[in-house]
Amino acid sequence: DNRPYTIPMKTLLLLAFLGASAINTVSGSGDCLTTSTRCVTDDGKDCRWIKQLRGYEKCGLESITISSQWCNFTGKDRTIYEDQGPALKITGPAATSLNNGPLTYSADGLGRVLRNGECDEEQWEATINTCKPFFNYEVNIFASKTESKQQCRGYNYARQMKSICAVDSNIGCMVLDGKNGGEGTPCKEVQRCLITEDDIVNGVSRQCTCPECIQDVRYDFEYTNLTRDQNLRLDPWSSAKIRWQKVQNNKDYFSTEPPFRRRQRFSVTESNVDVCNLIPAASLSLVGYVIDRNTNKLNEDFRYCNTYNVFQRVNFPPSHPNCLDPQPRRSARVARDGSDED
């Protein structure tokens, strides 16, 4: 049937709206139907930019509306089938966590003839959980391809939301005193040189300048990319600190792009530390972005990830009042680095 068909004004306006809107519109053609789909929140925000939220950011439920339009520009009238499965299916943890499975919806206008040049449309409302990382929507509209009842379809699929990428970190601390087979003593296990009764002569304690007080202390920093199947690019603001000061050559330690589950390690040694008084604090602060391995560009499916880890300084209680504490020496910082792979 080659009868001319005039596209209704309502359809023209909707097509113009979908094309000109700032909202991301996912287009597809399938085998024969031309489709356009978009998703927005109640306040008009594109679902593509909904952020997965952390608990302290008050994650929870958010309402969304998915709108789809399917058009027949094939030159022939098509029958839209109504018994070929859901017109819309929403999957992914942000949706399935609320429903113990995918959300599925039908559509009005199924089962009717869609004439050449004519469009139909539907919108659906749903709720997603922003505590979870993402959801996907899939639109499937089936139509007759020929008079022999073969099928064709219009199809859209898109991932929505920006997931939090995941990175883990840890700080180890070791006093390099030659003990434990030469490996040293973990900072948390160091004990101060205490004065006993046998050390007191005529009511005055002996000077407790134990030669083990002045030691080198090694801080072992490590971090791991936990974002599955993705590389991670660390922001220049990432930092390792000792005594709340950035370590020497700080940026060099964060210049790699660790793949999934690849552990990165580096060590910094603080020299001549008076471990009888205190062992200084250290911190590791990381900000990272997921990199698409195919394009080497930022992956817009993810928001930034960050982690912060602190090794709290070890303080020792005051010694015996008559004990003369050793005088701390000025420390010098020596750095060495390396990486290890799991």
C-alpha atoms as a PDB file:
ATOM      1  CA  ASP A   1       0.000   0.000   0.000  1.00  0.00           C
ATOM      2  CA  ASN A   2       1.764   3.145  -1.247  1.00  0.00           C
ATOM      3  CA  ARG A   3      -0.922   5.638  -0.259  1.00  0.00           C
ATOM      4  CA  PRO A   4       0.601   8.912   0.897  1.00  0.00           C
ATOM      5  CA  TYR A   5       0.411   9.463   4.618  1.00  0.00           C
ATOM      6  CA  THR A   6       0.720  12.766   6.444  1.00  0.00           C
ATOM      7  CA  ILE A   7       2.573  12.597   9.759  1.00  0.00           C
ATOM      8  CA  PRO A   8       0.332  14.055  12.479  1.00  0.00           C
ATOM      9  CA  MET A   9       1.399  17.365  14.018  1.00  0.00           C
ATOM     10  CA  LYS A  10       1.565  15.689  17.436  1.00  0.00           C
ATOM     11  CA  THR A  11       4.141  13.259  16.074  1.00  0.00           C
ATOM     12  CA  LEU A  12       6.181  15.996  14.433  1.00  0.00           C
ATOM     13  CA  LEU A  13       6.271  17.983  17.661  1.00  0.00           C
ATOM     14  CA  LEU A  14       7.307  14.945  19.672  1.00  0.00           C
ATOM     15  CA  LEU A  15      10.055  14.082  17.212  1.00  0.00           C
ATOM     16  CA  ALA A  16      11.334  17.651  17.381  1.00  0.00           C
ATOM     17  CA  PHE A  17      11.189  17.561  21.176  1.00  0.00           C
ATOM     18  CA  LEU A  18      13.135  14.324  21.385  1.00  0.00           C
ATOM     19  CA  GLY A  19      15.767  15.639  19.006  1.00  0.00           C
ATOM     20  CA  ALA A  20      16.180  19.079  20.557  1.00  0.00           C
ATOM     21  CA  SER A  21      15.918  18.150  24.226  1.00  0.00           C
ATOM     22  CA  ALA A  22      18.992  18.341  26.434  1.00  0.00           C
ATOM     23  CA  ILE A  23      17.948  14.966  27.830  1.00  0.00           C
ATOM     24  CA  ASN A  24      19.940  12.083  26.374  1.00  0.00           C
ATOM     25  CA  THR A  25      17.765  10.254  23.830  1.00  0.00           C
ATOM     26  CA  VAL A  26      18.656   6.708  22.835  1.00  0.00           C
ATOM     27  CA  SER A  27      17.761   5.977  19.224  1.00  0.00           C
ATOM     28  CA  GLY A  28      17.627   2.713  17.321  1.00  0.00           C
ATOM     29  CA  SER A  29      16.027   1.138  14.302  1.00  0.00           C
ATOM     30  CA  GLY A  30      15.934  -2.591  14.928  1.00  0.00           C
ATOM     31  CA  ASP A  31      14.829  -4.351  11.757  1.00  0.00           C
ATOM     32  CA  CYS A  32      12.096  -1.971  10.670  1.00  0.00           C
ATOM     33  CA  LEU A  33      10.727   0.352  13.362  1.00  0.00           C
ATOM     34  CA  THR A  34      12.582   3.556  14.240  1.00  0.00           C
ATOM     35  CA  THR A  35      12.629   4.090  17.995  1.00  0.00           C
ATOM     36  CA  SER A  36      13.621   6.847  20.422  1.00  0.00           C
ATOM     37  CA  THR A  37      13.696   6.424  24.196  1.00  0.00           C
ATOM     38  CA  ARG A  38      14.655   8.655  27.102  1.00  0.00           C
ATOM     39  CA  CYS A  39      14.603   8.489  30.883  1.00  0.00           C
ATOM     40  CA  VAL A  40      14.193  11.379  33.354  1.00  0.00           C
ATOM     41  CA  THR A  41      13.730  11.854  37.087  1.00  0.00           C
ATOM     42  CA  ASP A  42      10.814  13.725  38.671  1.00  0.00           C
ATOM     43  CA  ASP A  43      12.846  16.952  38.577  1.00  0.00           C
ATOM     44  CA  GLY A  44      13.668  16.524  34.895  1.00  0.00           C
ATOM     45  CA  LYS A  45      17.221  15.255  35.296  1.00  0.00           C
ATOM     46  CA  ASP A  46      18.581  12.791  32.758  1.00  0.00           C
ATOM     47  CA  CYS A  47      18.745   9.293  34.299  1.00  0.00           C
ATOM     48  CA  ARG A  48      22.142   8.935  32.691  1.00  0.00           C
ATOM     49  CA  TRP A  49      23.512  11.316  35.328  1.00  0.00           C
ATOM     50  CA  ILE A  50      21.790   9.902  38.413  1.00  0.00           C
ATOM     51  CA  LYS A  51      24.587   9.209  40.870  1.00  0.00           C
ATOM     52  CA  GLN A  52      24.928   6.089  42.902  1.00  0.00           C
ATOM     53  CA  LEU A  53      25.125   7.508  46.421  1.00  0.00           C
ATOM     54  CA  ARG A  54      27.047   6.407  49.462  1.00  0.00           C
ATOM     55  CA  GLY A  55      25.254   5.888  52.729  1.00  0.00           C
ATOM     56  CA  TYR A  56      26.355   9.227  54.169  1.00  0.00           C
ATOM     57  CA  GLU A  57      25.045  10.900  50.998  1.00  0.00           C
ATOM     58  CA  LYS A  58      21.552   9.627  51.892  1.00  0.00           C
ATOM     59  CA  CYS A  59      20.990   7.129  49.126  1.00  0.00           C
ATOM     60  CA  GLY A  60      17.484   5.721  48.694  1.00  0.00           C
ATOM     61  CA  LEU A  61      14.511   5.528  46.356  1.00  0.00           C
ATOM     62  CA  GLU A  62      14.084   7.777  43.324  1.00  0.00           C
ATOM     63  CA  SER A  63      11.203   7.934  40.852  1.00  0.00           C
ATOM     64  CA  ILE A  64      11.917   7.875  37.117  1.00  0.00           C
ATOM     65  CA  THR A  65       9.880   8.106  33.910  1.00  0.00           C
ATOM     66  CA  ILE A  66      10.898   6.274  30.741  1.00  0.00           C
ATOM     67  CA  SER A  67       9.339   7.526  27.492  1.00  0.00           C
ATOM     68  CA  SER A  68       9.587   5.759  24.154  1.00  0.00           C
ATOM     69  CA  GLN A  69       8.360   6.442  20.639  1.00  0.00           C
ATOM     70  CA  TRP A  70       8.345   3.984  17.750  1.00  0.00           C
ATOM     71  CA  CYS A  71       7.724   5.014  14.143  1.00  0.00           C
ATOM     72  CA  ASN A  72       7.030   3.179  10.917  1.00  0.00           C
ATOM     73  CA  PHE A  73       9.011   4.711   8.040  1.00  0.00           C
ATOM     74  CA  THR A  74       9.252   1.497   6.012  1.00  0.00           C
ATOM     75  CA  GLY A  75       6.845   2.444   3.207  1.00  0.00           C
ATOM     76  CA  LYS A  76       4.316  -0.187   4.285  1.00  0.00           C
ATOM     77  CA  ASP A  77       1.765  -0.539   7.059  1.00  0.00           C
ATOM     78  CA  ARG A  78       2.858  -2.777   9.937  1.00  0.00           C
ATOM     79  CA  THR A  79       0.917  -4.707  12.554  1.00  0.00           C
ATOM     80  CA  ILE A  80       2.297  -4.185  16.062  1.00  0.00           C
ATOM     81  CA  TYR A  81       2.286  -7.459  17.984  1.00  0.00           C
ATOM     82  CA  GLU A  82       1.146  -7.593  21.589  1.00  0.00           C
ATOM     83  CA  ASP A  83       2.159 -11.119  22.639  1.00  0.00           C
ATOM     84  CA  GLN A  84       5.926 -11.082  22.064  1.00  0.00           C
ATOM     85  CA  GLY A  85       7.073 -10.216  25.574  1.00  0.00           C
ATOM     86  CA  PRO A  86       7.316  -6.961  27.551  1.00  0.00           C
ATOM     87  CA  ALA A  87       7.583  -3.668  25.707  1.00  0.00           C
ATOM     88  CA  LEU A  88       9.905  -2.405  28.443  1.00  0.00           C
ATOM     89  CA  LYS A  89      12.254  -4.351  30.706  1.00  0.00           C
ATOM     90  CA  ILE A  90      14.356  -2.706  33.437  1.00  0.00           C
ATOM     91  CA  THR A  91      17.302  -4.686  34.773  1.00  0.00           C
ATOM     92  CA  GLY A  92      20.392  -4.010  36.855  1.00  0.00           C
ATOM     93  CA  PRO A  93      20.850  -3.872  40.650  1.00  0.00           C
ATOM     94  CA  ALA A  94      19.304  -0.418  41.142  1.00  0.00           C
ATOM     95  CA  ALA A  95      15.990  -1.876  39.872  1.00  0.00           C
ATOM     96  CA  THR A  96      16.130  -5.589  40.630  1.00  0.00           C
ATOM     97  CA  SER A  97      17.060  -4.999  44.277  1.00  0.00           C
ATOM     98  CA  LEU A  98      13.540  -3.634  44.796  1.00  0.00           C
ATOM     99  CA  ASN A  99      11.714  -6.351  42.879  1.00  0.00           C
ATOM    100  CA  ASN A 100      13.794  -9.530  43.265  1.00  0.00           C
ATOM    101  CA  GLY A 101      14.140  -9.506  39.483  1.00  0.00           C
ATOM    102  CA  PRO A 102      13.616  -7.391  36.340  1.00  0.00           C
ATOM    103  CA  LEU A 103      10.752  -4.896  36.077  1.00  0.00           C
ATOM    104  CA  THR A 104       8.571  -5.519  33.012  1.00  0.00           C
ATOM    105  CA  TYR A 105       5.853  -3.390  31.389  1.00  0.00           C
ATOM    106  CA  SER A 106       3.445  -3.599  28.479  1.00  0.00           C
ATOM    107  CA  ALA A 107       2.367  -0.654  26.285  1.00  0.00           C
ATOM    108  CA  ASP A 108      -0.822   0.819  24.849  1.00  0.00           C
ATOM    109  CA  GLY A 109      -1.211   0.611  21.093  1.00  0.00           C
ATOM    110  CA  LEU A 110       0.071  -2.935  20.837  1.00  0.00           C
ATOM    111  CA  GLY A 111      -2.029  -5.143  18.563  1.00  0.00           C
ATOM    112  CA  ARG A 112      -2.985  -2.365  16.134  1.00  0.00           C
ATOM    113  CA  VAL A 113      -1.844  -1.488  12.621  1.00  0.00           C
ATOM    114  CA  LEU A 114       0.805   1.229  12.491  1.00  0.00           C
ATOM    115  CA  ARG A 115       0.510   2.886   9.108  1.00  0.00           C
ATOM    116  CA  ASN A 116       3.478   4.005   7.061  1.00  0.00           C
ATOM    117  CA  GLY A 117       4.790   7.325   8.427  1.00  0.00           C
ATOM    118  CA  GLU A 118       2.860   6.968  11.692  1.00  0.00           C
ATOM    119  CA  CYS A 119       4.333   6.898  15.201  1.00  0.00           C
ATOM    120  CA  ASP A 120       3.131   5.652  18.549  1.00  0.00           C
ATOM    121  CA  GLU A 121       4.460   6.336  22.030  1.00  0.00           C
ATOM    122  CA  GLU A 122       4.290   5.246  25.652  1.00  0.00           C
ATOM    123  CA  GLN A 123       5.725   6.244  28.985  1.00  0.00           C
ATOM    124  CA  TRP A 124       6.233   4.234  32.124  1.00  0.00           C
ATOM    125  CA  GLU A 125       6.934   5.203  35.733  1.00  0.00           C
ATOM    126  CA  ALA A 126       9.264   3.201  37.951  1.00  0.00           C
ATOM    127  CA  THR A 127      11.339   3.479  41.129  1.00  0.00           C
ATOM    128  CA  ILE A 128      15.054   2.773  41.424  1.00  0.00           C
ATOM    129  CA  ASN A 129      17.427   2.482  44.373  1.00  0.00           C
ATOM    130  CA  THR A 130      20.314   4.976  44.320  1.00  0.00           C
ATOM    131  CA  CYS A 131      22.211   2.904  46.894  1.00  0.00           C
ATOM    132  CA  LYS A 132      22.890   0.442  44.050  1.00  0.00           C
ATOM    133  CA  PRO A 133      25.266   1.083  41.132  1.00  0.00           C
ATOM    134  CA  PHE A 134      23.153   1.178  37.924  1.00  0.00           C
ATOM    135  CA  PHE A 135      20.108   0.026  35.962  1.00  0.00           C
ATOM    136  CA  ASN A 136      19.448  -0.756  32.290  1.00  0.00           C
ATOM    137  CA  TYR A 137      16.320  -0.266  30.232  1.00  0.00           C
ATOM    138  CA  GLU A 138      15.401  -2.273  27.162  1.00  0.00           C
ATOM    139  CA  VAL A 139      12.534  -1.384  24.800  1.00  0.00           C
ATOM    140  CA  ASN A 140      11.302  -4.052  22.383  1.00  0.00           C
ATOM    141  CA  ILE A 141       8.433  -3.377  19.957  1.00  0.00           C
ATOM    142  CA  PHE A 142       7.644  -6.199  17.501  1.00  0.00           C
ATOM    143  CA  ALA A 143       5.868  -5.734  14.191  1.00  0.00           C
ATOM    144  CA  SER A 144       4.925  -7.765  11.115  1.00  0.00           C
ATOM    145  CA  LYS A 145       7.575  -7.747   8.407  1.00  0.00           C
ATOM    146  CA  THR A 146       5.608  -9.219   5.525  1.00  0.00           C
ATOM    147  CA  GLU A 147       2.167 -10.620   4.842  1.00  0.00           C
ATOM    148  CA  SER A 148       3.592 -14.034   5.818  1.00  0.00           C
ATOM    149  CA  LYS A 149       3.672 -12.800   9.443  1.00  0.00           C
ATOM    150  CA  GLN A 150       7.470 -12.686   9.774  1.00  0.00           C
ATOM    151  CA  GLN A 151       8.596 -10.320  12.492  1.00  0.00           C
ATOM    152  CA  CYS A 152      10.693  -7.197  12.709  1.00  0.00           C
ATOM    153  CA  ARG A 153      11.149  -4.851  15.613  1.00  0.00           C
ATOM    154  CA  GLY A 154      12.242  -1.548  17.067  1.00  0.00           C
ATOM    155  CA  TYR A 155      14.781  -1.804  19.843  1.00  0.00           C
ATOM    156  CA  ASN A 156      16.556   0.414  22.402  1.00  0.00           C
ATOM    157  CA  TYR A 157      18.956  -0.494  25.183  1.00  0.00           C
ATOM    158  CA  ALA A 158      20.852   1.833  27.521  1.00  0.00           C
ATOM    159  CA  ARG A 159      22.679   1.761  30.826  1.00  0.00           C
ATOM    160  CA  GLN A 160      21.728   4.515  33.248  1.00  0.00           C
ATOM    161  CA  MET A 161      23.321   6.138  36.328  1.00  0.00           C
ATOM    162  CA  LYS A 162      26.908   6.870  37.288  1.00  0.00           C
ATOM    163  CA  SER A 163      28.274   4.133  39.527  1.00  0.00           C
ATOM    164  CA  ILE A 164      30.798   4.633  42.285  1.00  0.00           C
ATOM    165  CA  CYS A 165      34.099   3.091  41.329  1.00  0.00           C
ATOM    166  CA  ALA A 166      35.882   1.190  44.060  1.00  0.00           C
ATOM    167  CA  VAL A 167      39.431   1.457  45.344  1.00  0.00           C
ATOM    168  CA  ASP A 168      40.879   0.074  48.568  1.00  0.00           C
ATOM    169  CA  SER A 169      43.937   1.229  50.508  1.00  0.00           C
ATOM    170  CA  ASN A 170      46.094   0.208  53.428  1.00  0.00           C
ATOM    171  CA  ILE A 171      49.114   1.524  55.372  1.00  0.00           C
ATOM    172  CA  GLY A 172      51.620  -0.689  57.139  1.00  0.00           C
ATOM    173  CA  CYS A 173      54.304   0.544  59.544  1.00  0.00           C
ATOM    174  CA  MET A 174      57.527  -1.216  60.546  1.00  0.00           C
ATOM    175  CA  VAL A 175      60.354  -0.186  62.895  1.00  0.00           C
ATOM    176  CA  LEU A 176      63.584  -1.341  61.230  1.00  0.00           C
ATOM    177  CA  ASP A 177      65.305  -2.532  64.409  1.00  0.00           C
ATOM    178  CA  GLY A 178      66.645  -5.791  62.963  1.00  0.00           C
ATOM    179  CA  LYS A 179      64.372  -7.986  65.072  1.00  0.00           C
ATOM    180  CA  ASN A 180      62.123 -10.812  63.860  1.00  0.00           C
ATOM    181  CA  GLY A 181      64.706 -12.266  61.548  1.00  0.00           C
ATOM    182  CA  GLY A 182      65.777  -8.861  60.288  1.00  0.00           C
ATOM    183  CA  GLU A 183      62.322  -7.757  59.131  1.00  0.00           C
ATOM    184  CA  GLY A 184      61.794  -5.415  62.051  1.00  0.00           C
ATOM    185  CA  THR A 185      58.990  -4.835  64.540  1.00  0.00           C
ATOM    186  CA  PRO A 186      55.459  -3.742  63.554  1.00  0.00           C
ATOM    187  CA  CYS A 187      54.910  -0.242  64.907  1.00  0.00           C
ATOM    188  CA  LYS A 188      51.893  -1.308  66.936  1.00  0.00           C
ATOM    189  CA  GLU A 189      54.049  -3.835  68.809  1.00  0.00           C
ATOM    190  CA  VAL A 190      56.873  -1.489  69.820  1.00  0.00           C
ATOM    191  CA  GLN A 191      57.332  -1.176  73.594  1.00  0.00           C
ATOM    192  CA  ARG A 192      58.984   1.733  75.331  1.00  0.00           C
ATOM    193  CA  CYS A 193      62.081   1.171  77.415  1.00  0.00           C
ATOM    194  CA  LEU A 194      60.541   1.130  80.926  1.00  0.00           C
ATOM    195  CA  ILE A 195      62.337   1.683  84.237  1.00  0.00           C
ATOM    196  CA  THR A 196      62.205  -1.124  86.818  1.00  0.00           C
ATOM    197  CA  GLU A 197      63.080  -1.106  90.549  1.00  0.00           C
ATOM    198  CA  ASP A 198      66.455  -2.681  89.774  1.00  0.00           C
ATOM    199  CA  ASP A 199      67.335   0.387  87.680  1.00  0.00           C
ATOM    200  CA  ILE A 200      66.919   2.755  90.614  1.00  0.00           C
ATOM    201  CA  VAL A 201      70.043   3.562  92.681  1.00  0.00           C
ATOM    202  CA  ASN A 202      69.692   5.788  95.762  1.00  0.00           C
ATOM    203  CA  GLY A 203      66.247   6.888  94.626  1.00  0.00           C
ATOM    204  CA  VAL A 204      67.427   8.099  91.213  1.00  0.00           C
ATOM    205  CA  SER A 205      66.881   6.055  88.067  1.00  0.00           C
ATOM    206  CA  ARG A 206      69.638   5.347  85.631  1.00  0.00           C
ATOM    207  CA  GLN A 207      69.509   7.287  82.388  1.00  0.00           C
ATOM    208  CA  CYS A 208      67.205   5.360  80.063  1.00  0.00           C
ATOM    209  CA  THR A 209      68.772   6.358  76.780  1.00  0.00           C
ATOM    210  CA  CYS A 210      68.163   2.907  75.359  1.00  0.00           C
ATOM    211  CA  PRO A 211      70.135   2.553  72.106  1.00  0.00           C
ATOM    212  CA  GLU A 212      67.028   1.049  70.470  1.00  0.00           C
ATOM    213  CA  CYS A 213      65.095   4.317  70.734  1.00  0.00           C
ATOM    214  CA  ILE A 214      66.504   5.937  67.597  1.00  0.00           C
ATOM    215  CA  GLN A 215      65.372   3.848  64.643  1.00  0.00           C
ATOM    216  CA  ASP A 216      64.355   4.090  61.011  1.00  0.00           C
ATOM    217  CA  VAL A 217      60.628   3.578  60.409  1.00  0.00           C
ATOM    218  CA  ARG A 218      59.263   2.254  57.108  1.00  0.00           C
ATOM    219  CA  TYR A 219      55.733   3.057  55.972  1.00  0.00           C
ATOM    220  CA  ASP A 220      54.244   0.666  53.394  1.00  0.00           C
ATOM    221  CA  PHE A 221      51.464   2.243  51.327  1.00  0.00           C
ATOM    222  CA  GLU A 222      49.285   0.130  49.062  1.00  0.00           C
ATOM    223  CA  TYR A 223      46.103   0.536  47.055  1.00  0.00           C
ATOM    224  CA  THR A 224      43.980  -1.780  44.904  1.00  0.00           C
ATOM    225  CA  ASN A 225      41.558  -1.078  42.059  1.00  0.00           C
ATOM    226  CA  LEU A 226      38.322  -2.963  42.876  1.00  0.00           C
ATOM    227  CA  THR A 227      36.239  -1.739  39.912  1.00  0.00           C
ATOM    228  CA  ARG A 228      35.624  -4.906  37.911  1.00  0.00           C
ATOM    229  CA  ASP A 229      37.125  -5.083  34.404  1.00  0.00           C
ATOM    230  CA  GLN A 230      38.103  -1.410  34.453  1.00  0.00           C
ATOM    231  CA  ASN A 231      41.327   0.556  34.661  1.00  0.00           C
ATOM    232  CA  LEU A 232      41.654   3.369  37.167  1.00  0.00           C
ATOM    233  CA  ARG A 233      43.316   6.759  36.646  1.00  0.00           C
ATOM    234  CA  LEU A 234      44.359   8.525  39.831  1.00  0.00           C
ATOM    235  CA  ASP A 235      43.863  12.242  40.249  1.00  0.00           C
ATOM    236  CA  PRO A 236      46.987  14.406  40.813  1.00  0.00           C
ATOM    237  CA  TRP A 237      45.494  15.410  44.170  1.00  0.00           C
ATOM    238  CA  SER A 238      46.065  11.880  45.484  1.00  0.00           C
ATOM    239  CA  SER A 239      48.676  11.923  48.210  1.00  0.00           C
ATOM    240  CA  ALA A 240      50.712   9.949  50.730  1.00  0.00           C
ATOM    241  CA  LYS A 241      51.721  11.848  53.858  1.00  0.00           C
ATOM    242  CA  ILE A 242      53.947  11.339  56.897  1.00  0.00           C
ATOM    243  CA  ARG A 243      53.651  13.787  59.785  1.00  0.00           C
ATOM    244  CA  TRP A 244      50.821  15.292  57.644  1.00  0.00           C
ATOM    245  CA  GLN A 245      53.329  16.371  54.997  1.00  0.00           C
ATOM    246  CA  LYS A 246      53.388  14.949  51.467  1.00  0.00           C
ATOM    247  CA  VAL A 247      56.194  12.481  50.911  1.00  0.00           C
ATOM    248  CA  GLN A 248      58.977  13.287  48.496  1.00  0.00           C
ATOM    249  CA  ASN A 249      58.114  12.630  44.822  1.00  0.00           C
ATOM    250  CA  ASN A 250      54.489  12.142  45.826  1.00  0.00           C
ATOM    251  CA  LYS A 251      53.041  12.356  42.286  1.00  0.00           C
ATOM    252  CA  ASP A 252      55.309   9.603  40.979  1.00  0.00           C
ATOM    253  CA  TYR A 253      53.539   7.023  43.124  1.00  0.00           C
ATOM    254  CA  PHE A 254      50.155   7.654  41.497  1.00  0.00           C
ATOM    255  CA  SER A 255      51.081   7.908  37.818  1.00  0.00           C
ATOM    256  CA  THR A 256      50.109   4.339  36.838  1.00  0.00           C
ATOM    257  CA  GLU A 257      46.621   3.133  35.851  1.00  0.00           C
ATOM    258  CA  PRO A 258      46.120  -0.064  37.847  1.00  0.00           C
ATOM    259  CA  PRO A 259      43.841  -2.699  36.268  1.00  0.00           C
ATOM    260  CA  PHE A 260      41.172  -4.549  38.231  1.00  0.00           C
ATOM    261  CA  ARG A 261      42.518  -6.179  41.407  1.00  0.00           C
ATOM    262  CA  ARG A 262      46.080  -5.076  40.649  1.00  0.00           C
ATOM    263  CA  ARG A 263      47.704  -4.064  43.905  1.00  0.00           C
ATOM    264  CA  GLN A 264      50.163  -1.165  43.848  1.00  0.00           C
ATOM    265  CA  ARG A 265      52.719  -0.781  46.629  1.00  0.00           C
ATOM    266  CA  PHE A 266      55.370   1.743  47.553  1.00  0.00           C
ATOM    267  CA  SER A 267      57.386   2.357  50.712  1.00  0.00           C
ATOM    268  CA  VAL A 268      58.800   5.467  52.334  1.00  0.00           C
ATOM    269  CA  THR A 269      61.377   5.325  55.139  1.00  0.00           C
ATOM    270  CA  GLU A 270      61.572   7.971  57.854  1.00  0.00           C
ATOM    271  CA  SER A 271      65.077   8.049  59.328  1.00  0.00           C
ATOM    272  CA  ASN A 272      66.219   8.586  62.930  1.00  0.00           C
ATOM    273  CA  VAL A 273      62.817   8.460  64.592  1.00  0.00           C
ATOM    274  CA  ASP A 274      62.727   8.476  68.396  1.00  0.00           C
ATOM    275  CA  VAL A 275      60.379   5.510  68.714  1.00  0.00           C
ATOM    276  CA  CYS A 276      60.522   5.699  72.520  1.00  0.00           C
ATOM    277  CA  ASN A 277      58.457   8.904  72.422  1.00  0.00           C
ATOM    278  CA  LEU A 278      56.120   8.496  69.454  1.00  0.00           C
ATOM    279  CA  ILE A 279      55.859   6.983  66.004  1.00  0.00           C
ATOM    280  CA  PRO A 280      54.552   9.602  63.520  1.00  0.00           C
ATOM    281  CA  ALA A 281      51.201   9.297  61.768  1.00  0.00           C
ATOM    282  CA  ALA A 282      50.828   8.589  58.051  1.00  0.00           C
ATOM    283  CA  SER A 283      47.903   8.900  55.646  1.00  0.00           C
ATOM    284  CA  LEU A 284      46.928   7.838  52.131  1.00  0.00           C
ATOM    285  CA  SER A 285      44.281   9.790  50.211  1.00  0.00           C
ATOM    286  CA  LEU A 286      43.192   8.622  46.735  1.00  0.00           C
ATOM    287  CA  VAL A 287      40.816  10.050  44.142  1.00  0.00           C
ATOM    288  CA  GLY A 288      40.335   8.033  40.961  1.00  0.00           C
ATOM    289  CA  TYR A 289      38.383   7.873  37.710  1.00  0.00           C
ATOM    290  CA  VAL A 290      37.507   4.846  35.606  1.00  0.00           C
ATOM    291  CA  ILE A 291      39.139   4.699  32.157  1.00  0.00           C
ATOM    292  CA  ASP A 292      37.511   2.946  29.207  1.00  0.00           C
ATOM    293  CA  ARG A 293      40.092   0.396  28.054  1.00  0.00           C
ATOM    294  CA  ASN A 294      39.018   0.692  24.417  1.00  0.00           C
ATOM    295  CA  THR A 295      39.087   4.484  24.051  1.00  0.00           C
ATOM    296  CA  ASN A 296      41.497   5.393  26.892  1.00  0.00           C
ATOM    297  CA  LYS A 297      39.019   8.117  27.880  1.00  0.00           C
ATOM    298  CA  LEU A 298      36.955   8.652  31.021  1.00  0.00           C
ATOM    299  CA  ASN A 299      34.156   6.101  31.286  1.00  0.00           C
ATOM    300  CA  GLU A 300      30.975   8.098  31.866  1.00  0.00           C
ATOM    301  CA  ASP A 301      29.227   5.101  33.434  1.00  0.00           C
ATOM    302  CA  PHE A 302      31.133   5.854  36.645  1.00  0.00           C
ATOM    303  CA  ARG A 303      31.515   8.735  39.033  1.00  0.00           C
ATOM    304  CA  TYR A 304      34.785   9.291  40.838  1.00  0.00           C
ATOM    305  CA  CYS A 305      35.883   7.000  43.632  1.00  0.00           C
ATOM    306  CA  ASN A 306      37.946   7.862  46.657  1.00  0.00           C
ATOM    307  CA  THR A 307      39.433   6.317  49.754  1.00  0.00           C
ATOM    308  CA  TYR A 308      41.222   7.674  52.806  1.00  0.00           C
ATOM    309  CA  ASN A 309      43.345   5.649  55.199  1.00  0.00           C
ATOM    310  CA  VAL A 310      45.275   6.768  58.270  1.00  0.00           C
ATOM    311  CA  PHE A 311      47.928   5.102  60.364  1.00  0.00           C
ATOM    312  CA  GLN A 312      47.429   6.784  63.729  1.00  0.00           C
ATOM    313  CA  ARG A 313      50.586   7.877  65.464  1.00  0.00           C
ATOM    314  CA  VAL A 314      51.726   5.717  68.370  1.00  0.00           C
ATOM    315  CA  ASN A 315      52.093   7.682  71.608  1.00  0.00           C
ATOM    316  CA  PHE A 316      53.799   6.321  74.682  1.00  0.00           C
ATOM    317  CA  PRO A 317      52.903   7.261  78.297  1.00  0.00           C
ATOM    318  CA  PRO A 318      55.377   9.399  80.274  1.00  0.00           C
ATOM    319  CA  SER A 319      58.274   7.419  81.726  1.00  0.00           C
ATOM    320  CA  HIS A 320      59.341   7.305  85.379  1.00  0.00           C
ATOM    321  CA  PRO A 321      59.695  10.938  86.629  1.00  0.00           C
ATOM    322  CA  ASN A 322      63.396  10.451  87.279  1.00  0.00           C
ATOM    323  CA  CYS A 323      64.099   8.884  83.907  1.00  0.00           C
ATOM    324  CA  LEU A 324      65.960  11.112  81.485  1.00  0.00           C
ATOM    325  CA  ASP A 325      64.391  10.689  78.082  1.00  0.00           C
ATOM    326  CA  PRO A 326      66.637  10.611  75.019  1.00  0.00           C
ATOM    327  CA  GLN A 327      66.605  13.752  72.953  1.00  0.00           C
ATOM    328  CA  PRO A 328      64.929  13.209  69.571  1.00  0.00           C
ATOM    329  CA  ARG A 329      67.108  13.857  66.580  1.00  0.00           C
ATOM    330  CA  ARG A 330      66.035  15.675  63.480  1.00  0.00           C
ATOM    331  CA  SER A 331      64.700  13.139  61.013  1.00  0.00           C
ATOM    332  CA  ALA A 332      65.615  12.799  57.371  1.00  0.00           C
ATOM    333  CA  ARG A 333      63.249  11.292  54.826  1.00  0.00           C
ATOM    334  CA  VAL A 334      64.328   8.597  52.451  1.00  0.00           C
ATOM    335  CA  ALA A 335      61.932   7.211  49.851  1.00  0.00           C
ATOM    336  CA  ARG A 336      61.914   4.046  47.807  1.00  0.00           C
ATOM    337  CA  ASP A 337      59.110   2.674  45.692  1.00  0.00           C
ATOM    338  CA  GLY A 338      57.942  -0.422  43.916  1.00  0.00           C
ATOM    339  CA  SER A 339      54.827  -2.286  42.989  1.00  0.00           C
ATOM    340  CA  ASP A 340      53.589  -5.812  43.347  1.00  0.00           C
ATOM    341  CA  GLU A 341      50.931  -7.731  41.517  1.00  0.00           C
ATOM    342  CA  ASP A 342      48.502 -10.256  42.868  1.00  0.00           C
END
